[in-house]
Structures are given as C-alpha cells and as structure tokens.
Amino acid sequence: MNRYAFEIFGIGIAWYGIIIATAMLLGTIMLTKLGKRYGYEENDIIDLALVILPCAIIGARAYYVIFEWSYYSAHPDMILAFRQGGLAIHGGVIGGLIGGYIVCKVKKLNFSDLADMVAMPLILGQAIGRWGNFINQEAHGGPTNLPWGIMVDGVKVHPTFLYESIWNLSVFALLLLTFKKRKFYGEHFLKYMIFYSIGRFFIEGLRTDSLMLGPLRMAQVISLGFILFGIGMIAYARKTGKWKIEKVDVIEPDGTMESTPLDDESKKSQ
C-alpha cells in the first residue's frame, strides 16, 4: 500500500499522519464530551487538549531522539525531521502529562480527575494510531509461521501492531465500563498505565525495532516501571484514603444533574 494518500503542492500527505490526526481529533471530541458531562467547561477542556497534544508530540520525538542519539548526534539536522518517522508513545505520555499538569495548575483544575478522563481517549487513540505502522510496514515482529502473519519484504512476520491495537481496544473497553466505579482521583489513569504496560511488555519482546539501552529494550523497562508505579500508588491510595472521591455531579444529556456519592467522577478541584 502506498504510504502517501495524496499530495498538496508536491508534498506527500502520509496515511500515517492522517491516522494519527484522526486519532487525536476523536480523542479530543471524546474528552470534551466526557468533561462537559462531569461539570468542566468546554473551553477548559479544549485548552487542555491544545496543550497536551503538541507536548505529547514533542515528548514522543524527544524520547526517540535521546535513545537514538548515536545517529542524531551525527545528524543534528534530522532531529526535527518528523516526517522521517521516529515517535515513541512512552515519551508522548510523559510529555502530555507535563503539559496537562501545567494547564491544570494554571486553571486550577483537578489534574488527577482529568487524567482519569484522558486515559480513555488516549488508549483509544493508541489503538487507532497503530494502524499507521501497518501502512508504513514498521513496528512488526520477527518471522513467524502463524496464519495471521503478514508479509514484509518477502518475510512472514508477527503483526505486532495488530496485537497491540487489539490489546489497547480491550483496555479501552475495560476503562470505559469501569469509569463510574472509581474510588479515588487518578485511579483510572493508574489502571491505564498498568494494563497498557502489561500488553506492551510482552508484545515488545516480539518486535525487531525496539529502542535499546545496552541489552535492554527500553519499552519493556518503562512498561515494568509503569506497572510497579501504578500498583504501588493504587495500594497506597486505598490504604490511606488519599484522593478519595466523595461525591460527583453528573450532567445528563437532557440537562438534568445527578449527584452520585463515592463511585463516580468529579468536577473542579477543591
């Protein structure tokens, strides 16, 4: 399949970019609707998205460049060559969190609550974005004889992009179905970190293009760190009662408001 969908003034518009842009748009729409339902101003959510998205892209690129520094130190002109590829989701998550935290501090919004809401469009966007790897014939695994293997350069390989997309959709469904059962602010984002990272840890072991730090696959190292951090924070919150959700006002589609104690969501920070 051609990597480029069409051209504008001689510049090829890649399918990868279209898929990523679509994932970002759908994620922003979902976050806006979710935020409004739980009492946030639409403008605040849009402002949040307008900061998170570029910060995520910068973080994803910076992460990739750092772990490929042997190449980029010799080719500094390629550091900003986004069109040549080179984005890492872990860097994107870190960059987005930093940007989101700053916005929430400035606007006095509940960062942990909004992080819970971001978790769902984030994992959905990741599931969609992985199909850009299919178009580019990248992020695949090693040789396999399994019937669902795909041909890349004449070799049948593991479609690890597909494995991760399916896993991410499963995590998205889990988060969506359990959102109203949160007990403390930040719980859902921590669950995103844990469940996404479990899948990524094992899938990464099949890939042939991992970013490395010596003999270690960085995505596996970061995933393991996310899992341990998430489990530790959930245990701490449940033991101490920190960030407990007491009550939330939910704005229904008909404009009415429903107050629910303990296991729903929140509005503004105290």
C-alpha atoms as a PDB file:
ATOM      1  CA  MET A   1       0.000   0.000   0.000  1.00  0.00           C
ATOM      2  CA  ASN A   2       1.251   3.481  -0.881  1.00  0.00           C
ATOM      3  CA  ARG A   3       2.448   5.346   2.228  1.00  0.00           C
ATOM      4  CA  TYR A   4       1.030   8.578   0.833  1.00  0.00           C
ATOM      5  CA  ALA A   5      -2.668   9.245   0.460  1.00  0.00           C
ATOM      6  CA  PHE A   6      -2.288  12.281  -1.827  1.00  0.00           C
ATOM      7  CA  GLU A   7      -0.112  15.315  -2.494  1.00  0.00           C
ATOM      8  CA  ILE A   8      -0.582  19.030  -1.803  1.00  0.00           C
ATOM      9  CA  PHE A   9       1.719  21.330  -3.772  1.00  0.00           C
ATOM     10  CA  GLY A  10       4.068  18.421  -4.344  1.00  0.00           C
ATOM     11  CA  ILE A  11       4.224  17.463  -0.658  1.00  0.00           C
ATOM     12  CA  GLY A  12       3.091  13.923   0.086  1.00  0.00           C
ATOM     13  CA  ILE A  13       0.450  13.584   2.809  1.00  0.00           C
ATOM     14  CA  ALA A  14       1.181  10.287   4.545  1.00  0.00           C
ATOM     15  CA  TRP A  15      -1.501   7.887   5.692  1.00  0.00           C
ATOM     16  CA  TYR A  16       0.362   7.649   8.996  1.00  0.00           C
ATOM     17  CA  GLY A  17      -0.155  11.357   9.599  1.00  0.00           C
ATOM     18  CA  ILE A  18      -3.817  11.139   8.629  1.00  0.00           C
ATOM     19  CA  ILE A  19      -4.386   8.225  11.000  1.00  0.00           C
ATOM     20  CA  ILE A  20      -2.614   9.966  13.887  1.00  0.00           C
ATOM     21  CA  ALA A  21      -4.520  13.207  13.242  1.00  0.00           C
ATOM     22  CA  THR A  22      -7.807  11.273  13.178  1.00  0.00           C
ATOM     23  CA  ALA A  23      -6.945   9.586  16.486  1.00  0.00           C
ATOM     24  CA  MET A  24      -6.160  12.986  18.030  1.00  0.00           C
ATOM     25  CA  LEU A  25      -9.393  14.510  16.753  1.00  0.00           C
ATOM     26  CA  LEU A  26     -11.555  11.646  18.008  1.00  0.00           C
ATOM     27  CA  GLY A  27      -9.759  11.702  21.349  1.00  0.00           C
ATOM     28  CA  THR A  28     -10.327  15.444  21.752  1.00  0.00           C
ATOM     29  CA  ILE A  29     -14.032  15.089  20.911  1.00  0.00           C
ATOM     30  CA  MET A  30     -14.425  12.259  23.401  1.00  0.00           C
ATOM     31  CA  LEU A  31     -12.566  14.124  26.145  1.00  0.00           C
ATOM     32  CA  THR A  32     -14.645  17.263  25.564  1.00  0.00           C
ATOM     33  CA  LYS A  33     -17.937  15.377  25.813  1.00  0.00           C
ATOM     34  CA  LEU A  34     -16.796  13.483  28.895  1.00  0.00           C
ATOM     35  CA  GLY A  35     -15.504  16.611  30.592  1.00  0.00           C
ATOM     36  CA  LYS A  36     -18.738  18.530  29.961  1.00  0.00           C
ATOM     37  CA  ARG A  37     -20.761  15.654  31.372  1.00  0.00           C
ATOM     38  CA  TYR A  38     -18.811  15.836  34.604  1.00  0.00           C
ATOM     39  CA  GLY A  39     -19.004  19.570  35.060  1.00  0.00           C
ATOM     40  CA  TYR A  40     -15.974  21.010  33.254  1.00  0.00           C
ATOM     41  CA  GLU A  41     -16.186  23.997  30.942  1.00  0.00           C
ATOM     42  CA  GLU A  42     -15.772  23.113  27.277  1.00  0.00           C
ATOM     43  CA  ASN A  43     -13.185  25.870  26.793  1.00  0.00           C
ATOM     44  CA  ASP A  44     -11.086  24.455  29.627  1.00  0.00           C
ATOM     45  CA  ILE A  45     -11.087  21.005  28.030  1.00  0.00           C
ATOM     46  CA  ILE A  46     -10.194  22.398  24.605  1.00  0.00           C
ATOM     47  CA  ASP A  47      -7.373  24.469  26.136  1.00  0.00           C
ATOM     48  CA  LEU A  48      -6.134  21.330  27.853  1.00  0.00           C
ATOM     49  CA  ALA A  49      -6.156  19.369  24.595  1.00  0.00           C
ATOM     50  CA  LEU A  50      -4.409  22.174  22.707  1.00  0.00           C
ATOM     51  CA  VAL A  51      -1.504  21.948  25.155  1.00  0.00           C
ATOM     52  CA  ILE A  52      -1.431  18.175  25.703  1.00  0.00           C
ATOM     53  CA  LEU A  53      -1.279  17.236  22.018  1.00  0.00           C
ATOM     54  CA  PRO A  54       1.788  19.273  20.982  1.00  0.00           C
ATOM     55  CA  CYS A  55       3.526  18.424  24.278  1.00  0.00           C
ATOM     56  CA  ALA A  56       2.873  14.742  23.569  1.00  0.00           C
ATOM     57  CA  ILE A  57       4.352  15.026  20.070  1.00  0.00           C
ATOM     58  CA  ILE A  58       7.422  16.863  21.381  1.00  0.00           C
ATOM     59  CA  GLY A  59       7.841  14.316  24.168  1.00  0.00           C
ATOM     60  CA  ALA A  60       7.450  11.388  21.767  1.00  0.00           C
ATOM     61  CA  ARG A  61      10.102  12.830  19.440  1.00  0.00           C
ATOM     62  CA  ALA A  62      12.494  13.808  22.243  1.00  0.00           C
ATOM     63  CA  TYR A  63      12.295  10.314  23.750  1.00  0.00           C
ATOM     64  CA  TYR A  64      13.071   8.709  20.385  1.00  0.00           C
ATOM     65  CA  VAL A  65      15.965  11.077  19.665  1.00  0.00           C
ATOM     66  CA  ILE A  66      17.502  10.518  23.109  1.00  0.00           C
ATOM     67  CA  PHE A  67      17.618   6.756  22.663  1.00  0.00           C
ATOM     68  CA  GLU A  68      18.891   7.048  19.088  1.00  0.00           C
ATOM     69  CA  TRP A  69      21.455   9.712  19.994  1.00  0.00           C
ATOM     70  CA  SER A  70      24.313   7.882  18.323  1.00  0.00           C
ATOM     71  CA  TYR A  71      22.601   8.670  14.999  1.00  0.00           C
ATOM     72  CA  TYR A  72      21.160  12.116  15.754  1.00  0.00           C
ATOM     73  CA  SER A  73      24.347  13.444  17.328  1.00  0.00           C
ATOM     74  CA  ALA A  74      25.968  12.881  13.937  1.00  0.00           C
ATOM     75  CA  HIS A  75      22.931  14.186  12.033  1.00  0.00           C
ATOM     76  CA  PRO A  76      21.532  17.079  14.121  1.00  0.00           C
ATOM     77  CA  ASP A  77      19.655  18.406  11.090  1.00  0.00           C
ATOM     78  CA  MET A  78      17.416  15.325  11.310  1.00  0.00           C
ATOM     79  CA  ILE A  79      16.277  15.896  14.907  1.00  0.00           C
ATOM     80  CA  LEU A  80      13.232  17.894  13.797  1.00  0.00           C
ATOM     81  CA  ALA A  81      12.573  15.768  10.700  1.00  0.00           C
ATOM     82  CA  PHE A  82       9.267  14.411  11.991  1.00  0.00           C
ATOM     83  CA  ARG A  83       8.218  13.325   8.516  1.00  0.00           C
ATOM     84  CA  GLN A  84      11.027  10.782   8.507  1.00  0.00           C
ATOM     85  CA  GLY A  85       9.414   8.954  11.427  1.00  0.00           C
ATOM     86  CA  GLY A  86      10.561   8.421  14.986  1.00  0.00           C
ATOM     87  CA  LEU A  87       7.905   8.913  17.691  1.00  0.00           C
ATOM     88  CA  ALA A  88       7.750   6.892  20.925  1.00  0.00           C
ATOM     89  CA  ILE A  89       4.474   6.584  22.827  1.00  0.00           C
ATOM     90  CA  HIS A  90       6.133   6.495  26.252  1.00  0.00           C
ATOM     91  CA  GLY A  91       7.720   9.864  25.565  1.00  0.00           C
ATOM     92  CA  GLY A  92       4.356  11.113  24.328  1.00  0.00           C
ATOM     93  CA  VAL A  93       2.634  10.074  27.566  1.00  0.00           C
ATOM     94  CA  ILE A  94       5.311  11.775  29.667  1.00  0.00           C
ATOM     95  CA  GLY A  95       5.204  14.954  27.569  1.00  0.00           C
ATOM     96  CA  GLY A  96       1.416  15.063  27.649  1.00  0.00           C
ATOM     97  CA  LEU A  97       1.342  14.607  31.426  1.00  0.00           C
ATOM     98  CA  ILE A  98       3.759  17.500  31.917  1.00  0.00           C
ATOM     99  CA  GLY A  99       1.733  19.776  29.638  1.00  0.00           C
ATOM    100  CA  GLY A 100      -1.551  18.737  31.230  1.00  0.00           C
ATOM    101  CA  TYR A 101      -0.230  19.301  34.741  1.00  0.00           C
ATOM    102  CA  ILE A 102       0.841  22.840  33.873  1.00  0.00           C
ATOM    103  CA  VAL A 103      -2.574  23.671  32.378  1.00  0.00           C
ATOM    104  CA  CYS A 104      -4.388  22.262  35.410  1.00  0.00           C
ATOM    105  CA  LYS A 105      -2.182  24.265  37.768  1.00  0.00           C
ATOM    106  CA  VAL A 106      -2.781  27.491  35.860  1.00  0.00           C
ATOM    107  CA  LYS A 107      -6.530  26.957  35.520  1.00  0.00           C
ATOM    108  CA  LYS A 108      -6.915  25.385  38.983  1.00  0.00           C
ATOM    109  CA  LEU A 109      -8.414  22.180  37.614  1.00  0.00           C
ATOM    110  CA  ASN A 110      -8.325  18.748  39.222  1.00  0.00           C
ATOM    111  CA  PHE A 111      -5.351  17.179  37.426  1.00  0.00           C
ATOM    112  CA  SER A 112      -5.916  13.633  38.725  1.00  0.00           C
ATOM    113  CA  ASP A 113      -9.580  13.660  37.751  1.00  0.00           C
ATOM    114  CA  LEU A 114      -8.823  14.906  34.251  1.00  0.00           C
ATOM    115  CA  ALA A 115      -6.011  12.378  33.906  1.00  0.00           C
ATOM    116  CA  ASP A 116      -8.612   9.670  34.547  1.00  0.00           C
ATOM    117  CA  MET A 117     -10.731  11.069  31.726  1.00  0.00           C
ATOM    118  CA  VAL A 118      -7.750  11.411  29.384  1.00  0.00           C
ATOM    119  CA  ALA A 119      -6.871   7.738  29.879  1.00  0.00           C
ATOM    120  CA  MET A 120      -9.792   6.545  27.744  1.00  0.00           C
ATOM    121  CA  PRO A 121      -9.305   8.688  24.604  1.00  0.00           C
ATOM    122  CA  LEU A 122      -5.555   8.149  25.000  1.00  0.00           C
ATOM    123  CA  ILE A 123      -5.690   4.353  24.823  1.00  0.00           C
ATOM    124  CA  LEU A 124      -8.285   4.529  22.039  1.00  0.00           C
ATOM    125  CA  GLY A 125      -6.008   6.860  20.094  1.00  0.00           C
ATOM    126  CA  GLN A 126      -3.118   4.434  20.575  1.00  0.00           C
ATOM    127  CA  ALA A 127      -5.240   1.585  19.210  1.00  0.00           C
ATOM    128  CA  ILE A 128      -6.084   3.636  16.115  1.00  0.00           C
ATOM    129  CA  GLY A 129      -2.579   5.021  15.679  1.00  0.00           C
ATOM    130  CA  ARG A 130      -1.008   1.562  15.486  1.00  0.00           C
ATOM    131  CA  TRP A 131      -2.591   1.095  12.064  1.00  0.00           C
ATOM    132  CA  GLY A 132      -0.246   3.780  10.784  1.00  0.00           C
ATOM    133  CA  ASN A 133       2.544   1.281  11.496  1.00  0.00           C
ATOM    134  CA  PHE A 134       0.781  -1.211   9.218  1.00  0.00           C
ATOM    135  CA  ILE A 135       0.732   1.296   6.365  1.00  0.00           C
ATOM    136  CA  ASN A 136       4.439   2.019   6.888  1.00  0.00           C
ATOM    137  CA  GLN A 137       5.294  -1.691   7.261  1.00  0.00           C
ATOM    138  CA  GLU A 138       7.038  -0.975  10.569  1.00  0.00           C
ATOM    139  CA  ALA A 139       6.787  -1.900  14.272  1.00  0.00           C
ATOM    140  CA  HIS A 140       6.399  -5.551  13.296  1.00  0.00           C
ATOM    141  CA  GLY A 141       7.830  -8.639  14.891  1.00  0.00           C
ATOM    142  CA  GLY A 142      10.196 -11.351  13.797  1.00  0.00           C
ATOM    143  CA  PRO A 143       9.486 -14.256  11.432  1.00  0.00           C
ATOM    144  CA  THR A 144       6.501 -16.490  12.158  1.00  0.00           C
ATOM    145  CA  ASN A 145       4.556 -19.338  10.559  1.00  0.00           C
ATOM    146  CA  LEU A 146       1.302 -18.354  12.249  1.00  0.00           C
ATOM    147  CA  PRO A 147      -1.643 -17.973   9.838  1.00  0.00           C
ATOM    148  CA  TRP A 148      -2.181 -14.319  10.762  1.00  0.00           C
ATOM    149  CA  GLY A 149       1.392 -13.294   9.992  1.00  0.00           C
ATOM    150  CA  ILE A 150       1.908 -10.527   7.434  1.00  0.00           C
ATOM    151  CA  MET A 151       4.435 -10.281   4.613  1.00  0.00           C
ATOM    152  CA  VAL A 152       7.124  -7.610   4.965  1.00  0.00           C
ATOM    153  CA  ASP A 153       9.976  -7.567   2.447  1.00  0.00           C
ATOM    154  CA  GLY A 154       9.153 -11.115   1.451  1.00  0.00           C
ATOM    155  CA  VAL A 155       9.197 -12.470   5.017  1.00  0.00           C
ATOM    156  CA  LYS A 156       6.150 -13.544   7.049  1.00  0.00           C
ATOM    157  CA  VAL A 157       6.343 -11.736  10.396  1.00  0.00           C
ATOM    158  CA  HIS A 158       4.340 -11.150  13.568  1.00  0.00           C
ATOM    159  CA  PRO A 159       1.862  -8.244  13.128  1.00  0.00           C
ATOM    160  CA  THR A 160       2.761  -6.752  16.499  1.00  0.00           C
ATOM    161  CA  PHE A 161       0.963  -3.520  15.569  1.00  0.00           C
ATOM    162  CA  LEU A 162      -2.229  -5.611  15.374  1.00  0.00           C
ATOM    163  CA  TYR A 163      -1.568  -7.342  18.694  1.00  0.00           C
ATOM    164  CA  GLU A 164      -1.145  -4.000  20.406  1.00  0.00           C
ATOM    165  CA  SER A 165      -4.162  -2.437  18.698  1.00  0.00           C
ATOM    166  CA  ILE A 166      -6.406  -5.293  19.875  1.00  0.00           C
ATOM    167  CA  TRP A 167      -4.932  -5.140  23.379  1.00  0.00           C
ATOM    168  CA  ASN A 168      -5.442  -1.365  23.548  1.00  0.00           C
ATOM    169  CA  LEU A 169      -9.065  -1.674  22.431  1.00  0.00           C
ATOM    170  CA  SER A 170      -9.610  -4.217  25.205  1.00  0.00           C
ATOM    171  CA  VAL A 171      -8.086  -1.833  27.766  1.00  0.00           C
ATOM    172  CA  PHE A 172     -10.256   0.987  26.393  1.00  0.00           C
ATOM    173  CA  ALA A 173     -13.400  -1.129  26.866  1.00  0.00           C
ATOM    174  CA  LEU A 174     -12.353  -2.035  30.412  1.00  0.00           C
ATOM    175  CA  LEU A 175     -11.713   1.593  31.369  1.00  0.00           C
ATOM    176  CA  LEU A 176     -14.927   2.787  29.769  1.00  0.00           C
ATOM    177  CA  LEU A 177     -17.050   0.186  31.538  1.00  0.00           C
ATOM    178  CA  THR A 178     -15.491   0.754  34.963  1.00  0.00           C
ATOM    179  CA  PHE A 179     -15.185   4.557  34.958  1.00  0.00           C
ATOM    180  CA  LYS A 180     -18.117   5.023  37.332  1.00  0.00           C
ATOM    181  CA  LYS A 181     -16.552   2.646  39.846  1.00  0.00           C
ATOM    182  CA  ARG A 182     -13.547   4.843  40.614  1.00  0.00           C
ATOM    183  CA  LYS A 183     -12.825   5.225  44.320  1.00  0.00           C
ATOM    184  CA  PHE A 184     -10.156   7.933  44.154  1.00  0.00           C
ATOM    185  CA  TYR A 185      -8.915  10.566  41.724  1.00  0.00           C
ATOM    186  CA  GLY A 186      -6.197   9.220  39.477  1.00  0.00           C
ATOM    187  CA  GLU A 187      -7.258   5.576  39.807  1.00  0.00           C
ATOM    188  CA  HIS A 188      -8.267   5.216  36.179  1.00  0.00           C
ATOM    189  CA  PHE A 189      -5.059   6.677  34.791  1.00  0.00           C
ATOM    190  CA  LEU A 190      -3.051   4.358  37.018  1.00  0.00           C
ATOM    191  CA  LYS A 191      -5.067   1.417  35.673  1.00  0.00           C
ATOM    192  CA  TYR A 192      -4.315   2.625  32.153  1.00  0.00           C
ATOM    193  CA  MET A 193      -0.607   2.621  32.999  1.00  0.00           C
ATOM    194  CA  ILE A 194      -0.785  -0.898  34.410  1.00  0.00           C
ATOM    195  CA  PHE A 195      -2.903  -2.632  31.783  1.00  0.00           C
ATOM    196  CA  TYR A 196      -1.392  -0.936  28.746  1.00  0.00           C
ATOM    197  CA  SER A 197       2.084  -1.677  30.045  1.00  0.00           C
ATOM    198  CA  ILE A 198       1.345  -5.366  30.648  1.00  0.00           C
ATOM    199  CA  GLY A 199       0.434  -5.799  26.993  1.00  0.00           C
ATOM    200  CA  ARG A 200       3.272  -3.628  25.740  1.00  0.00           C
ATOM    201  CA  PHE A 201       5.850  -5.508  27.819  1.00  0.00           C
ATOM    202  CA  PHE A 202       5.091  -8.854  26.164  1.00  0.00           C
ATOM    203  CA  ILE A 203       4.416  -7.509  22.666  1.00  0.00           C
ATOM    204  CA  GLU A 204       7.657  -5.525  22.700  1.00  0.00           C
ATOM    205  CA  GLY A 205       9.554  -8.774  23.133  1.00  0.00           C
ATOM    206  CA  LEU A 206       8.424  -9.811  19.638  1.00  0.00           C
ATOM    207  CA  ARG A 207       9.462  -6.617  17.857  1.00  0.00           C
ATOM    208  CA  THR A 208      12.586  -6.162  15.790  1.00  0.00           C
ATOM    209  CA  ASP A 209      12.923  -2.363  16.033  1.00  0.00           C
ATOM    210  CA  SER A 210      12.986  -1.720  19.777  1.00  0.00           C
ATOM    211  CA  LEU A 211      14.832   1.271  21.209  1.00  0.00           C
ATOM    212  CA  MET A 212      17.672  -0.192  23.258  1.00  0.00           C
ATOM    213  CA  LEU A 213      19.733   0.802  26.266  1.00  0.00           C
ATOM    214  CA  GLY A 214      22.566  -1.678  26.170  1.00  0.00           C
ATOM    215  CA  PRO A 215      20.951  -5.132  26.183  1.00  0.00           C
ATOM    216  CA  LEU A 216      17.618  -3.809  27.496  1.00  0.00           C
ATOM    217  CA  ARG A 217      14.533  -2.936  25.460  1.00  0.00           C
ATOM    218  CA  MET A 218      13.568   0.489  26.775  1.00  0.00           C
ATOM    219  CA  ALA A 219       9.838  -0.007  26.201  1.00  0.00           C
ATOM    220  CA  GLN A 220       9.956  -3.081  28.426  1.00  0.00           C
ATOM    221  CA  VAL A 221      11.909  -1.255  31.111  1.00  0.00           C
ATOM    222  CA  ILE A 222       9.493   1.693  31.093  1.00  0.00           C
ATOM    223  CA  SER A 223       6.480  -0.625  30.982  1.00  0.00           C
ATOM    224  CA  LEU A 224       7.727  -2.525  34.016  1.00  0.00           C
ATOM    225  CA  GLY A 225       8.283   0.779  35.818  1.00  0.00           C
ATOM    226  CA  PHE A 226       4.748   1.922  34.955  1.00  0.00           C
ATOM    227  CA  ILE A 227       3.289  -1.352  36.235  1.00  0.00           C
ATOM    228  CA  LEU A 228       5.111  -1.190  39.555  1.00  0.00           C
ATOM    229  CA  PHE A 229       4.372   2.516  40.000  1.00  0.00           C
ATOM    230  CA  GLY A 230       0.676   2.046  39.192  1.00  0.00           C
ATOM    231  CA  ILE A 231       0.233  -0.895  41.554  1.00  0.00           C
ATOM    232  CA  GLY A 232       2.118   0.898  44.317  1.00  0.00           C
ATOM    233  CA  MET A 233       0.080   4.107  44.001  1.00  0.00           C
ATOM    234  CA  ILE A 234      -3.239   2.248  43.940  1.00  0.00           C
ATOM    235  CA  ALA A 235      -2.269   0.293  47.049  1.00  0.00           C
ATOM    236  CA  TYR A 236      -1.161   3.499  48.787  1.00  0.00           C
ATOM    237  CA  ALA A 237      -4.369   5.369  47.888  1.00  0.00           C
ATOM    238  CA  ARG A 238      -6.610   2.557  49.049  1.00  0.00           C
ATOM    239  CA  LYS A 239      -4.713   2.110  52.294  1.00  0.00           C
ATOM    240  CA  THR A 240      -4.547   5.796  53.231  1.00  0.00           C
ATOM    241  CA  GLY A 241      -7.807   7.040  51.718  1.00  0.00           C
ATOM    242  CA  LYS A 242      -5.902   9.684  49.735  1.00  0.00           C
ATOM    243  CA  TRP A 243      -7.674  11.462  46.862  1.00  0.00           C
ATOM    244  CA  LYS A 244     -10.948   9.751  47.791  1.00  0.00           C
ATOM    245  CA  ILE A 245     -13.998  10.655  45.690  1.00  0.00           C
ATOM    246  CA  GLU A 246     -16.815  11.709  47.985  1.00  0.00           C
ATOM    247  CA  LYS A 247     -19.474  12.896  45.533  1.00  0.00           C
ATOM    248  CA  VAL A 248     -19.840  13.954  41.925  1.00  0.00           C
ATOM    249  CA  ASP A 249     -22.392  15.862  39.896  1.00  0.00           C
ATOM    250  CA  VAL A 250     -23.147  14.300  36.518  1.00  0.00           C
ATOM    251  CA  ILE A 251     -24.904  16.376  33.873  1.00  0.00           C
ATOM    252  CA  GLU A 252     -27.229  14.113  31.916  1.00  0.00           C
ATOM    253  CA  PRO A 253     -27.962  14.597  28.169  1.00  0.00           C
ATOM    254  CA  ASP A 254     -31.334  16.168  28.993  1.00  0.00           C
ATOM    255  CA  GLY A 255     -29.612  18.864  31.085  1.00  0.00           C
ATOM    256  CA  THR A 256     -30.576  17.450  34.468  1.00  0.00           C
ATOM    257  CA  MET A 257     -27.950  16.916  37.151  1.00  0.00           C
ATOM    258  CA  GLU A 258     -27.485  13.744  39.124  1.00  0.00           C
ATOM    259  CA  SER A 259     -25.369  13.627  42.280  1.00  0.00           C
ATOM    260  CA  THR A 260     -23.683  10.323  42.980  1.00  0.00           C
ATOM    261  CA  PRO A 261     -21.678   9.524  46.116  1.00  0.00           C
ATOM    262  CA  LEU A 262     -18.308   7.802  46.173  1.00  0.00           C
ATOM    263  CA  ASP A 263     -18.045   5.964  42.881  1.00  0.00           C
ATOM    264  CA  ASP A 264     -18.396   8.402  40.043  1.00  0.00           C
ATOM    265  CA  GLU A 265     -16.260  11.284  38.860  1.00  0.00           C
ATOM    266  CA  SER A 266     -15.610  14.906  39.763  1.00  0.00           C
ATOM    267  CA  LYS A 267     -15.652  18.497  38.699  1.00  0.00           C
ATOM    268  CA  LYS A 268     -13.273  21.278  39.629  1.00  0.00           C
ATOM    269  CA  SER A 269     -10.530  20.930  42.178  1.00  0.00           C
ATOM    270  CA  GLN A 270     -11.355  21.992  45.707  1.00  0.00           C
END
